[in-house]
Amino acid sequence: MARAPHCGVSLVSGAWESLQAELQRWRDDGRTVEFWLRDDDAAAPHAALERLFELTGRWQIPLALAVIPHHAEGQLFSSLPPGTDVLQHGFDHRNRAGEGEKKCEFPSGEASEHAKERLCRGRERLTALAGSRAIDVLVPPWNRISAALIPLLAGWGFRGISRFRPRMAKRSAGVLEVNTHVDLIAWKGGRGFVGVELALEQAVRHLAARRLAAVDSTEPTGWLTHHACHDAATWRFLEELFARLQEQPAVRWRSARELFGFAPPPVPAQR
């Protein structure tokens, strides 16, 4: 029996071709593909974060940085490059879920006043540290939050929320939702890169669903990164992704500030 040829390279090539084909379908329809980039778990200056800043700056990709308020250090904000928006990543990123439940900082079993106290304290601290870079958008750790808290968020000062998977509704109780859809980390597989094929499969799946109106077609496709978990393969993928998409006339990267309807930060006065 003849042996099947090794097809690792062709699989990777096929994944890029699938993305290219989907982007071409959008272009043929006269539509622009909108992407956005969210990076989670920021708190302090980090070599990997500096690398992400360099990469997004080189390709002019707006970055939404989800910062954990309780652990945030002032030095982080003094080095933020232009085009970086600061989102609130819960309060302390501590799991409060019950035994046997999926990890969650704001589970259904917790009293809402306790969640409110932490979220408002975190919002105040993040605003004090990040100034006009901070926007009132909640990124719940592990992308989970009790459904009972969603109607309360607007009253606590939040205008937006960002989780994972296609949104069920664009706006709920005055809060706009813009999610991410492509996770680059294999959380159950050693916390390395998920691989080119799976990463691009996630992207193509969401783009096709949007194009066919199987999900909200107006929700930009979000890429989710975790700088501290990036291995060499993750960095190589991001380099190639940004380079390839730069050549696509039908692709536009959006900032979180744009997507959630916040005004641009003031331009520093010239000395």
C-alpha atoms as a PDB file:
ATOM      1  CA  MET A   1       0.000   0.000   0.000  1.00  0.00           C
ATOM      2  CA  ALA A   2       1.382   3.416  -0.905  1.00  0.00           C
ATOM      3  CA  ARG A   3       2.091   5.722   1.981  1.00  0.00           C
ATOM      4  CA  ALA A   4       0.346   9.074   2.090  1.00  0.00           C
ATOM      5  CA  PRO A   5       2.770  11.950   1.626  1.00  0.00           C
ATOM      6  CA  HIS A   6       3.538  14.190   4.568  1.00  0.00           C
ATOM      7  CA  CYS A   7       1.089  17.049   4.259  1.00  0.00           C
ATOM      8  CA  GLY A   8       1.899  19.419   7.133  1.00  0.00           C
ATOM      9  CA  VAL A   9       3.035  22.230   4.848  1.00  0.00           C
ATOM     10  CA  SER A  10       0.115  21.784   2.455  1.00  0.00           C
ATOM     11  CA  LEU A  11      -2.339  21.881   5.333  1.00  0.00           C
ATOM     12  CA  VAL A  12      -0.908  25.186   6.521  1.00  0.00           C
ATOM     13  CA  SER A  13      -0.901  26.520   2.979  1.00  0.00           C
ATOM     14  CA  GLY A  14      -4.483  25.347   2.547  1.00  0.00           C
ATOM     15  CA  ALA A  15      -5.531  27.210   5.692  1.00  0.00           C
ATOM     16  CA  TRP A  16      -4.161  30.488   4.348  1.00  0.00           C
ATOM     17  CA  GLU A  17      -5.816  29.800   1.000  1.00  0.00           C
ATOM     18  CA  SER A  18      -9.157  29.276   2.776  1.00  0.00           C
ATOM     19  CA  LEU A  19      -8.812  32.639   4.502  1.00  0.00           C
ATOM     20  CA  GLN A  20      -7.862  34.300   1.231  1.00  0.00           C
ATOM     21  CA  ALA A  21     -10.864  32.746  -0.509  1.00  0.00           C
ATOM     22  CA  GLU A  22     -13.249  33.974   2.190  1.00  0.00           C
ATOM     23  CA  LEU A  23     -11.802  37.481   2.055  1.00  0.00           C
ATOM     24  CA  GLN A  24     -12.238  37.418  -1.715  1.00  0.00           C
ATOM     25  CA  ARG A  25     -15.927  36.490  -1.291  1.00  0.00           C
ATOM     26  CA  TRP A  26     -16.374  39.573   0.865  1.00  0.00           C
ATOM     27  CA  ARG A  27     -14.569  41.690  -1.683  1.00  0.00           C
ATOM     28  CA  ASP A  28     -16.665  40.275  -4.529  1.00  0.00           C
ATOM     29  CA  ASP A  29     -19.767  41.295  -2.563  1.00  0.00           C
ATOM     30  CA  GLY A  30     -18.382  44.816  -2.250  1.00  0.00           C
ATOM     31  CA  ARG A  31     -18.031  44.475   1.521  1.00  0.00           C
ATOM     32  CA  THR A  32     -15.191  45.355   3.883  1.00  0.00           C
ATOM     33  CA  VAL A  33     -13.968  42.822   6.441  1.00  0.00           C
ATOM     34  CA  GLU A  34     -13.572  44.442   9.846  1.00  0.00           C
ATOM     35  CA  PHE A  35     -11.212  42.911  12.399  1.00  0.00           C
ATOM     36  CA  TRP A  36     -10.171  43.967  15.868  1.00  0.00           C
ATOM     37  CA  LEU A  37      -7.513  42.763  18.310  1.00  0.00           C
ATOM     38  CA  ARG A  38      -7.886  42.240  22.070  1.00  0.00           C
ATOM     39  CA  ASP A  39      -5.046  41.140  24.355  1.00  0.00           C
ATOM     40  CA  ASP A  40      -5.901  39.931  27.865  1.00  0.00           C
ATOM     41  CA  ASP A  41      -4.294  39.702  31.308  1.00  0.00           C
ATOM     42  CA  ALA A  42      -2.121  42.824  31.243  1.00  0.00           C
ATOM     43  CA  ALA A  43      -1.017  44.243  34.584  1.00  0.00           C
ATOM     44  CA  ALA A  44       2.644  45.245  34.461  1.00  0.00           C
ATOM     45  CA  PRO A  45       5.431  45.930  31.956  1.00  0.00           C
ATOM     46  CA  HIS A  46       6.440  42.652  30.309  1.00  0.00           C
ATOM     47  CA  ALA A  47       8.888  41.724  27.563  1.00  0.00           C
ATOM     48  CA  ALA A  48       6.141  39.896  25.658  1.00  0.00           C
ATOM     49  CA  LEU A  49       3.894  42.937  25.915  1.00  0.00           C
ATOM     50  CA  GLU A  50       6.652  45.138  24.524  1.00  0.00           C
ATOM     51  CA  ARG A  51       6.982  42.707  21.647  1.00  0.00           C
ATOM     52  CA  LEU A  52       3.243  42.937  21.004  1.00  0.00           C
ATOM     53  CA  PHE A  53       3.435  46.733  21.089  1.00  0.00           C
ATOM     54  CA  GLU A  54       6.252  46.662  18.540  1.00  0.00           C
ATOM     55  CA  LEU A  55       4.373  44.282  16.280  1.00  0.00           C
ATOM     56  CA  THR A  56       1.065  46.137  16.329  1.00  0.00           C
ATOM     57  CA  GLY A  57       2.852  49.443  15.922  1.00  0.00           C
ATOM     58  CA  ARG A  58       4.789  48.218  12.893  1.00  0.00           C
ATOM     59  CA  TRP A  59       1.616  47.095  11.134  1.00  0.00           C
ATOM     60  CA  GLN A  60      -0.546  49.901  12.575  1.00  0.00           C
ATOM     61  CA  ILE A  61      -2.973  47.514  14.251  1.00  0.00           C
ATOM     62  CA  PRO A  62      -5.109  49.177  16.979  1.00  0.00           C
ATOM     63  CA  LEU A  63      -4.767  47.226  20.225  1.00  0.00           C
ATOM     64  CA  ALA A  64      -7.405  46.748  22.922  1.00  0.00           C
ATOM     65  CA  LEU A  65      -5.502  45.909  26.105  1.00  0.00           C
ATOM     66  CA  ALA A  66      -7.579  44.222  28.831  1.00  0.00           C
ATOM     67  CA  VAL A  67      -5.940  45.218  32.138  1.00  0.00           C
ATOM     68  CA  ILE A  68      -6.541  43.647  35.565  1.00  0.00           C
ATOM     69  CA  PRO A  69      -7.153  46.716  37.800  1.00  0.00           C
ATOM     70  CA  HIS A  70      -6.197  45.189  41.165  1.00  0.00           C
ATOM     71  CA  HIS A  71      -2.771  44.115  39.880  1.00  0.00           C
ATOM     72  CA  ALA A  72      -2.132  47.040  37.536  1.00  0.00           C
ATOM     73  CA  GLU A  73       1.150  48.914  37.928  1.00  0.00           C
ATOM     74  CA  GLY A  74       1.539  52.548  36.985  1.00  0.00           C
ATOM     75  CA  GLN A  75       4.590  51.865  34.822  1.00  0.00           C
ATOM     76  CA  LEU A  76       2.435  49.920  32.392  1.00  0.00           C
ATOM     77  CA  PHE A  77       0.552  53.018  31.311  1.00  0.00           C
ATOM     78  CA  SER A  78       3.551  55.268  30.851  1.00  0.00           C
ATOM     79  CA  SER A  79       4.752  53.086  27.976  1.00  0.00           C
ATOM     80  CA  LEU A  80       1.502  52.500  26.102  1.00  0.00           C
ATOM     81  CA  PRO A  81       1.960  53.223  22.394  1.00  0.00           C
ATOM     82  CA  PRO A  82      -0.518  55.316  20.392  1.00  0.00           C
ATOM     83  CA  GLY A  83      -3.626  53.430  19.306  1.00  0.00           C
ATOM     84  CA  THR A  84      -3.832  51.357  22.490  1.00  0.00           C
ATOM     85  CA  ASP A  85      -7.130  51.400  24.368  1.00  0.00           C
ATOM     86  CA  VAL A  86      -7.410  50.116  27.941  1.00  0.00           C
ATOM     87  CA  LEU A  87     -10.355  47.875  28.831  1.00  0.00           C
ATOM     88  CA  GLN A  88     -11.221  46.611  32.318  1.00  0.00           C
ATOM     89  CA  HIS A  89     -10.396  42.933  32.836  1.00  0.00           C
ATOM     90  CA  GLY A  90     -12.608  42.235  35.845  1.00  0.00           C
ATOM     91  CA  PHE A  91     -11.044  43.301  39.131  1.00  0.00           C
ATOM     92  CA  ASP A  92      -8.543  40.762  40.462  1.00  0.00           C
ATOM     93  CA  HIS A  93      -8.992  37.811  38.034  1.00  0.00           C
ATOM     94  CA  ARG A  94      -9.694  35.471  40.953  1.00  0.00           C
ATOM     95  CA  ASN A  95     -11.920  32.453  40.423  1.00  0.00           C
ATOM     96  CA  ARG A  96     -15.044  32.620  42.601  1.00  0.00           C
ATOM     97  CA  ALA A  97     -17.021  29.857  40.906  1.00  0.00           C
ATOM     98  CA  GLY A  98     -18.394  27.013  42.949  1.00  0.00           C
ATOM     99  CA  GLU A  99     -16.897  23.549  42.991  1.00  0.00           C
ATOM    100  CA  GLY A 100     -17.393  21.815  39.654  1.00  0.00           C
ATOM    101  CA  GLU A 101     -18.282  25.044  37.853  1.00  0.00           C
ATOM    102  CA  LYS A 102     -16.244  26.693  35.104  1.00  0.00           C
ATOM    103  CA  LYS A 103     -13.883  29.414  36.255  1.00  0.00           C
ATOM    104  CA  CYS A 104     -15.550  32.779  36.710  1.00  0.00           C
ATOM    105  CA  GLU A 105     -14.769  35.919  38.695  1.00  0.00           C
ATOM    106  CA  PHE A 106     -18.424  36.986  38.729  1.00  0.00           C
ATOM    107  CA  PRO A 107     -20.471  33.774  39.128  1.00  0.00           C
ATOM    108  CA  SER A 108     -24.217  33.534  39.554  1.00  0.00           C
ATOM    109  CA  GLY A 109     -23.840  32.401  43.166  1.00  0.00           C
ATOM    110  CA  GLU A 110     -22.283  35.687  44.275  1.00  0.00           C
ATOM    111  CA  ALA A 111     -24.358  38.588  45.599  1.00  0.00           C
ATOM    112  CA  SER A 112     -24.570  41.410  43.060  1.00  0.00           C
ATOM    113  CA  GLU A 113     -23.465  44.024  45.596  1.00  0.00           C
ATOM    114  CA  HIS A 114     -20.139  42.239  45.986  1.00  0.00           C
ATOM    115  CA  ALA A 115     -19.600  42.225  42.235  1.00  0.00           C
ATOM    116  CA  LYS A 116     -20.592  45.886  42.050  1.00  0.00           C
ATOM    117  CA  GLU A 117     -18.121  46.884  44.755  1.00  0.00           C
ATOM    118  CA  ARG A 118     -15.206  45.222  42.971  1.00  0.00           C
ATOM    119  CA  LEU A 119     -16.133  46.381  39.494  1.00  0.00           C
ATOM    120  CA  CYS A 120     -16.630  50.001  40.516  1.00  0.00           C
ATOM    121  CA  ARG A 121     -13.427  50.022  42.551  1.00  0.00           C
ATOM    122  CA  GLY A 122     -11.561  48.558  39.609  1.00  0.00           C
ATOM    123  CA  ARG A 123     -13.078  51.085  37.211  1.00  0.00           C
ATOM    124  CA  GLU A 124     -11.994  53.971  39.426  1.00  0.00           C
ATOM    125  CA  ARG A 125      -8.460  52.633  39.768  1.00  0.00           C
ATOM    126  CA  LEU A 126      -8.064  51.988  36.056  1.00  0.00           C
ATOM    127  CA  THR A 127      -9.298  55.474  35.207  1.00  0.00           C
ATOM    128  CA  ALA A 128      -6.860  56.996  37.682  1.00  0.00           C
ATOM    129  CA  LEU A 129      -3.949  55.036  36.204  1.00  0.00           C
ATOM    130  CA  ALA A 130      -4.758  55.077  32.489  1.00  0.00           C
ATOM    131  CA  GLY A 131      -6.564  58.410  32.201  1.00  0.00           C
ATOM    132  CA  SER A 132      -8.137  59.007  28.795  1.00  0.00           C
ATOM    133  CA  ARG A 133      -6.730  55.707  27.495  1.00  0.00           C
ATOM    134  CA  ALA A 134      -9.301  53.819  29.602  1.00  0.00           C
ATOM    135  CA  ILE A 135     -12.749  53.182  28.163  1.00  0.00           C
ATOM    136  CA  ASP A 136     -15.678  51.862  30.188  1.00  0.00           C
ATOM    137  CA  VAL A 137     -15.749  48.385  28.664  1.00  0.00           C
ATOM    138  CA  LEU A 138     -15.743  45.247  30.802  1.00  0.00           C
ATOM    139  CA  VAL A 139     -13.821  42.156  29.740  1.00  0.00           C
ATOM    140  CA  PRO A 140     -14.850  39.502  32.282  1.00  0.00           C
ATOM    141  CA  PRO A 141     -12.042  37.048  33.104  1.00  0.00           C
ATOM    142  CA  TRP A 142     -12.474  33.697  31.381  1.00  0.00           C
ATOM    143  CA  ASN A 143     -15.047  35.553  29.227  1.00  0.00           C
ATOM    144  CA  ARG A 144     -17.759  34.636  31.736  1.00  0.00           C
ATOM    145  CA  ILE A 145     -20.099  36.666  33.917  1.00  0.00           C
ATOM    146  CA  SER A 146     -23.424  35.966  35.585  1.00  0.00           C
ATOM    147  CA  ALA A 147     -26.287  36.809  33.225  1.00  0.00           C
ATOM    148  CA  ALA A 148     -28.034  38.531  36.125  1.00  0.00           C
ATOM    149  CA  LEU A 149     -25.296  41.198  36.217  1.00  0.00           C
ATOM    150  CA  ILE A 150     -25.596  42.281  32.571  1.00  0.00           C
ATOM    151  CA  PRO A 151     -28.685  44.509  33.148  1.00  0.00           C
ATOM    152  CA  LEU A 152     -26.846  46.197  36.032  1.00  0.00           C
ATOM    153  CA  LEU A 153     -23.623  47.135  34.237  1.00  0.00           C
ATOM    154  CA  ALA A 154     -24.872  50.370  32.663  1.00  0.00           C
ATOM    155  CA  GLY A 155     -25.919  51.641  36.086  1.00  0.00           C
ATOM    156  CA  TRP A 156     -22.399  50.901  37.323  1.00  0.00           C
ATOM    157  CA  GLY A 157     -20.839  53.036  34.604  1.00  0.00           C
ATOM    158  CA  PHE A 158     -20.075  50.492  31.883  1.00  0.00           C
ATOM    159  CA  ARG A 159     -21.013  51.172  28.273  1.00  0.00           C
ATOM    160  CA  GLY A 160     -19.666  47.982  26.788  1.00  0.00           C
ATOM    161  CA  ILE A 161     -18.755  44.353  27.391  1.00  0.00           C
ATOM    162  CA  SER A 162     -16.480  42.012  25.452  1.00  0.00           C
ATOM    163  CA  ARG A 163     -16.500  38.231  25.750  1.00  0.00           C
ATOM    164  CA  PHE A 164     -15.857  35.314  23.360  1.00  0.00           C
ATOM    165  CA  ARG A 165     -18.038  33.798  20.595  1.00  0.00           C
ATOM    166  CA  PRO A 166     -20.595  35.565  18.377  1.00  0.00           C
ATOM    167  CA  ARG A 167     -22.830  37.929  20.298  1.00  0.00           C
ATOM    168  CA  MET A 168     -26.472  37.032  20.755  1.00  0.00           C
ATOM    169  CA  ALA A 169     -27.535  40.676  20.755  1.00  0.00           C
ATOM    170  CA  LYS A 170     -25.717  43.863  19.828  1.00  0.00           C
ATOM    171  CA  ARG A 171     -26.993  45.731  22.861  1.00  0.00           C
ATOM    172  CA  SER A 172     -28.490  44.575  26.127  1.00  0.00           C
ATOM    173  CA  ALA A 173     -29.849  46.889  28.827  1.00  0.00           C
ATOM    174  CA  GLY A 174     -27.863  49.808  27.437  1.00  0.00           C
ATOM    175  CA  VAL A 175     -24.585  47.877  27.141  1.00  0.00           C
ATOM    176  CA  LEU A 176     -22.990  47.303  23.726  1.00  0.00           C
ATOM    177  CA  GLU A 177     -21.324  43.920  23.195  1.00  0.00           C
ATOM    178  CA  VAL A 178     -18.398  43.354  20.823  1.00  0.00           C
ATOM    179  CA  ASN A 179     -16.756  39.950  21.245  1.00  0.00           C
ATOM    180  CA  THR A 180     -13.699  38.059  20.087  1.00  0.00           C
ATOM    181  CA  HIS A 181     -13.924  34.892  17.983  1.00  0.00           C
ATOM    182  CA  VAL A 182     -10.403  33.604  17.330  1.00  0.00           C
ATOM    183  CA  ASP A 183      -8.412  32.385  20.347  1.00  0.00           C
ATOM    184  CA  LEU A 184      -4.756  31.687  19.594  1.00  0.00           C
ATOM    185  CA  ILE A 185      -3.994  29.778  22.799  1.00  0.00           C
ATOM    186  CA  ALA A 186      -4.562  26.028  23.286  1.00  0.00           C
ATOM    187  CA  TRP A 187      -5.750  26.226  26.902  1.00  0.00           C
ATOM    188  CA  LYS A 188      -6.287  22.490  27.192  1.00  0.00           C
ATOM    189  CA  GLY A 189      -3.227  21.575  25.166  1.00  0.00           C
ATOM    190  CA  GLY A 190      -0.245  22.951  27.037  1.00  0.00           C
ATOM    191  CA  ARG A 191      -1.132  26.650  26.648  1.00  0.00           C
ATOM    192  CA  GLY A 192       0.899  27.015  23.479  1.00  0.00           C
ATOM    193  CA  PHE A 193      -0.242  28.095  20.036  1.00  0.00           C
ATOM    194  CA  VAL A 194      -3.383  26.381  18.732  1.00  0.00           C
ATOM    195  CA  GLY A 195      -1.774  26.064  15.314  1.00  0.00           C
ATOM    196  CA  VAL A 196      -2.207  27.865  12.018  1.00  0.00           C
ATOM    197  CA  GLU A 197      -4.979  25.555  10.807  1.00  0.00           C
ATOM    198  CA  LEU A 198      -7.208  25.920  13.864  1.00  0.00           C
ATOM    199  CA  ALA A 199      -6.595  29.654  14.233  1.00  0.00           C
ATOM    200  CA  LEU A 200      -7.528  30.352  10.631  1.00  0.00           C
ATOM    201  CA  GLU A 201     -10.414  27.891  10.747  1.00  0.00           C
ATOM    202  CA  GLN A 202     -11.928  29.913  13.603  1.00  0.00           C
ATOM    203  CA  ALA A 203     -11.540  33.110  11.615  1.00  0.00           C
ATOM    204  CA  VAL A 204     -12.983  31.710   8.378  1.00  0.00           C
ATOM    205  CA  ARG A 205     -15.887  30.126  10.251  1.00  0.00           C
ATOM    206  CA  HIS A 206     -16.918  33.425  11.805  1.00  0.00           C
ATOM    207  CA  LEU A 207     -16.394  35.393   8.613  1.00  0.00           C
ATOM    208  CA  ALA A 208     -18.520  32.944   6.608  1.00  0.00           C
ATOM    209  CA  ALA A 209     -21.247  32.985   9.266  1.00  0.00           C
ATOM    210  CA  ARG A 210     -21.281  36.779   9.147  1.00  0.00           C
ATOM    211  CA  ARG A 211     -21.391  36.861   5.363  1.00  0.00           C
ATOM    212  CA  LEU A 212     -24.324  34.428   5.305  1.00  0.00           C
ATOM    213  CA  ALA A 213     -26.084  36.232   8.193  1.00  0.00           C
ATOM    214  CA  ALA A 214     -26.008  33.108  10.346  1.00  0.00           C
ATOM    215  CA  VAL A 215     -24.667  35.383  13.116  1.00  0.00           C
ATOM    216  CA  ASP A 216     -24.700  39.156  13.556  1.00  0.00           C
ATOM    217  CA  SER A 217     -23.032  40.313  10.338  1.00  0.00           C
ATOM    218  CA  THR A 218     -22.202  43.722  11.823  1.00  0.00           C
ATOM    219  CA  GLU A 219     -19.997  42.344  14.596  1.00  0.00           C
ATOM    220  CA  PRO A 220     -16.316  42.632  13.597  1.00  0.00           C
ATOM    221  CA  THR A 221     -14.295  39.435  13.848  1.00  0.00           C
ATOM    222  CA  GLY A 222     -12.152  39.652  16.965  1.00  0.00           C
ATOM    223  CA  TRP A 223      -8.718  38.107  17.452  1.00  0.00           C
ATOM    224  CA  LEU A 224      -7.863  37.229  21.066  1.00  0.00           C
ATOM    225  CA  THR A 225      -4.284  37.054  22.319  1.00  0.00           C
ATOM    226  CA  HIS A 226      -2.608  36.562  25.705  1.00  0.00           C
ATOM    227  CA  HIS A 227       0.880  38.048  25.398  1.00  0.00           C
ATOM    228  CA  ALA A 228       2.330  36.201  28.398  1.00  0.00           C
ATOM    229  CA  CYS A 229       1.396  32.820  26.874  1.00  0.00           C
ATOM    230  CA  HIS A 230       2.843  33.399  23.421  1.00  0.00           C
ATOM    231  CA  ASP A 231       5.424  30.902  22.237  1.00  0.00           C
ATOM    232  CA  ALA A 232       7.617  31.251  19.152  1.00  0.00           C
ATOM    233  CA  ALA A 233       4.916  29.754  16.924  1.00  0.00           C
ATOM    234  CA  THR A 234       2.341  32.297  18.112  1.00  0.00           C
ATOM    235  CA  TRP A 235       4.640  35.198  17.338  1.00  0.00           C
ATOM    236  CA  ARG A 236       5.428  33.786  13.883  1.00  0.00           C
ATOM    237  CA  PHE A 237       1.726  33.430  13.158  1.00  0.00           C
ATOM    238  CA  LEU A 238       0.935  37.001  14.195  1.00  0.00           C
ATOM    239  CA  GLU A 239       3.794  38.330  12.069  1.00  0.00           C
ATOM    240  CA  GLU A 240       2.505  36.459   9.044  1.00  0.00           C
ATOM    241  CA  LEU A 241      -1.147  37.288   9.729  1.00  0.00           C
ATOM    242  CA  PHE A 242      -0.543  41.020   9.964  1.00  0.00           C
ATOM    243  CA  ALA A 243       1.705  40.997   6.893  1.00  0.00           C
ATOM    244  CA  ARG A 244      -0.781  39.052   4.783  1.00  0.00           C
ATOM    245  CA  LEU A 245      -3.777  41.132   5.848  1.00  0.00           C
ATOM    246  CA  GLN A 246      -1.886  44.344   5.134  1.00  0.00           C
ATOM    247  CA  GLU A 247      -2.010  43.367   1.458  1.00  0.00           C
ATOM    248  CA  GLN A 248      -5.798  42.902   1.489  1.00  0.00           C
ATOM    249  CA  PRO A 249      -7.665  45.999   0.255  1.00  0.00           C
ATOM    250  CA  ALA A 250     -10.963  44.776   1.707  1.00  0.00           C
ATOM    251  CA  VAL A 251      -9.645  44.476   5.285  1.00  0.00           C
ATOM    252  CA  ARG A 252      -9.879  47.170   7.944  1.00  0.00           C
ATOM    253  CA  TRP A 253      -8.680  46.973  11.543  1.00  0.00           C
ATOM    254  CA  ARG A 254     -10.923  48.812  14.026  1.00  0.00           C
ATOM    255  CA  SER A 255     -10.037  50.152  17.447  1.00  0.00           C
ATOM    256  CA  ALA A 256     -12.060  49.292  20.537  1.00  0.00           C
ATOM    257  CA  ARG A 257     -12.664  52.992  21.013  1.00  0.00           C
ATOM    258  CA  GLU A 258     -14.341  53.160  17.600  1.00  0.00           C
ATOM    259  CA  LEU A 259     -16.339  49.977  18.048  1.00  0.00           C
ATOM    260  CA  PHE A 260     -17.754  50.992  21.426  1.00  0.00           C
ATOM    261  CA  GLY A 261     -18.432  54.592  20.403  1.00  0.00           C
ATOM    262  CA  PHE A 262     -15.921  56.457  22.554  1.00  0.00           C
ATOM    263  CA  ALA A 263     -14.345  59.727  21.465  1.00  0.00           C
ATOM    264  CA  PRO A 264     -10.656  59.712  20.530  1.00  0.00           C
ATOM    265  CA  PRO A 265      -8.285  60.562  23.393  1.00  0.00           C
ATOM    266  CA  PRO A 266      -7.029  64.159  23.436  1.00  0.00           C
ATOM    267  CA  VAL A 267      -3.841  64.833  21.509  1.00  0.00           C
ATOM    268  CA  PRO A 268      -0.993  65.844  23.863  1.00  0.00           C
ATOM    269  CA  ALA A 269      -0.067  69.513  23.552  1.00  0.00           C
ATOM    270  CA  GLN A 270       3.155  70.247  21.667  1.00  0.00           C
ATOM    271  CA  ARG A 271       5.904  71.747  23.782  1.00  0.00           C
END
